[in-house]
Protein backbone atom coordinates (compact mmCIF):
# COMPACT_ATOMS: atom_id res chain seq x y z
CA MET A 1 13.53 6.22 -14.91
CA ALA A 2 13.68 2.83 -16.69
CA GLU A 3 17.44 3.11 -17.14
CA THR A 4 19.13 -0.14 -16.21
CA MET A 5 22.87 -0.39 -16.08
CA PRO A 6 24.74 -3.47 -17.23
CA LYS A 7 25.60 -5.70 -14.28
CA GLY A 8 29.17 -5.18 -13.10
CA THR A 9 29.45 -1.66 -14.53
CA HIS A 10 31.49 0.56 -12.24
CA VAL A 11 29.62 3.73 -11.39
CA VAL A 12 32.03 6.33 -10.08
CA GLY A 13 32.65 10.06 -10.09
CA THR A 14 30.17 12.29 -11.85
CA GLU A 15 28.09 9.36 -13.04
CA ARG A 16 27.57 8.24 -9.43
CA ILE A 17 26.64 11.79 -8.40
CA ARG A 18 24.14 12.04 -11.28
CA LEU A 19 22.59 8.75 -10.24
CA ALA A 20 22.26 10.03 -6.65
CA PHE A 21 20.53 13.19 -7.90
CA ARG A 22 18.07 11.07 -9.90
CA ILE A 23 17.18 8.56 -7.18
CA ALA A 24 17.34 10.72 -4.01
CA PRO A 25 14.08 12.64 -4.68
CA ARG A 26 12.30 9.42 -5.57
CA TYR A 27 13.46 7.76 -2.35
CA ALA A 28 12.42 10.86 -0.37
CA ALA A 29 8.99 10.68 -2.04
CA GLY A 30 8.48 7.14 -0.72
CA GLU A 31 9.97 4.69 -3.21
CA THR A 32 11.93 1.88 -1.61
CA ILE A 33 15.59 1.06 -2.04
CA ARG A 34 14.49 -2.32 -3.44
CA ASP A 35 12.32 -0.64 -6.07
CA LEU A 36 15.14 1.69 -7.10
CA ALA A 37 17.62 -1.20 -7.19
CA ALA A 38 15.35 -3.30 -9.40
CA GLU A 39 14.70 -0.45 -11.78
CA THR A 40 18.36 0.51 -12.17
CA GLY A 41 19.65 -3.06 -12.29
CA ARG A 42 21.88 -2.46 -9.27
CA SER A 43 21.97 -4.18 -5.91
CA TYR A 44 20.19 -3.05 -2.76
CA GLY A 45 23.58 -2.39 -1.13
CA PHE A 46 24.77 -0.26 -4.03
CA ILE A 47 21.68 1.96 -3.95
CA HIS A 48 21.85 2.16 -0.15
CA ASN A 49 25.48 3.31 -0.34
CA VAL A 50 24.81 5.88 -3.06
CA LEU A 51 21.97 7.39 -1.02
CA LYS A 52 24.09 7.36 2.14
CA GLU A 53 27.05 8.99 0.35
CA ALA A 54 24.70 11.69 -0.94
CA GLY A 55 23.60 12.48 2.62
CA VAL A 56 20.02 11.32 2.11
CA PRO A 57 18.29 10.54 5.42
CA LEU A 58 17.44 6.85 5.25
CA ARG A 59 14.19 5.44 6.59
CA ARG A 60 14.16 2.62 9.10
CA PRO A 61 13.84 -0.80 7.49
CA GLY A 62 10.52 -2.61 7.54
CA GLY A 63 8.12 0.26 6.98
CA SER A 64 5.36 1.22 9.33
CA THR A 65 4.52 -1.22 12.13
CA ARG A 66 1.52 0.69 13.47
CA ARG A 67 -1.92 -0.54 12.63
CA MET A 68 -4.49 1.87 11.28
CA ARG A 69 -7.41 2.55 13.60
CA ASP A 70 -11.00 2.66 12.44
């Protein structure tokens, strides 16, 4: 994706919807909100809100807490 947005740029309307369509499948495939935020140049909260507004089911924070068995 490698498309960063200038800090402070307002992302609204169709541009926000397009962003949601680009990041939602990547989040669903396992990328983290932090990874998506860093790559787009946006904050964690912004990406979280865009995903939430798009109706994307969000994972619980912290990742897996179960240990793998041998």
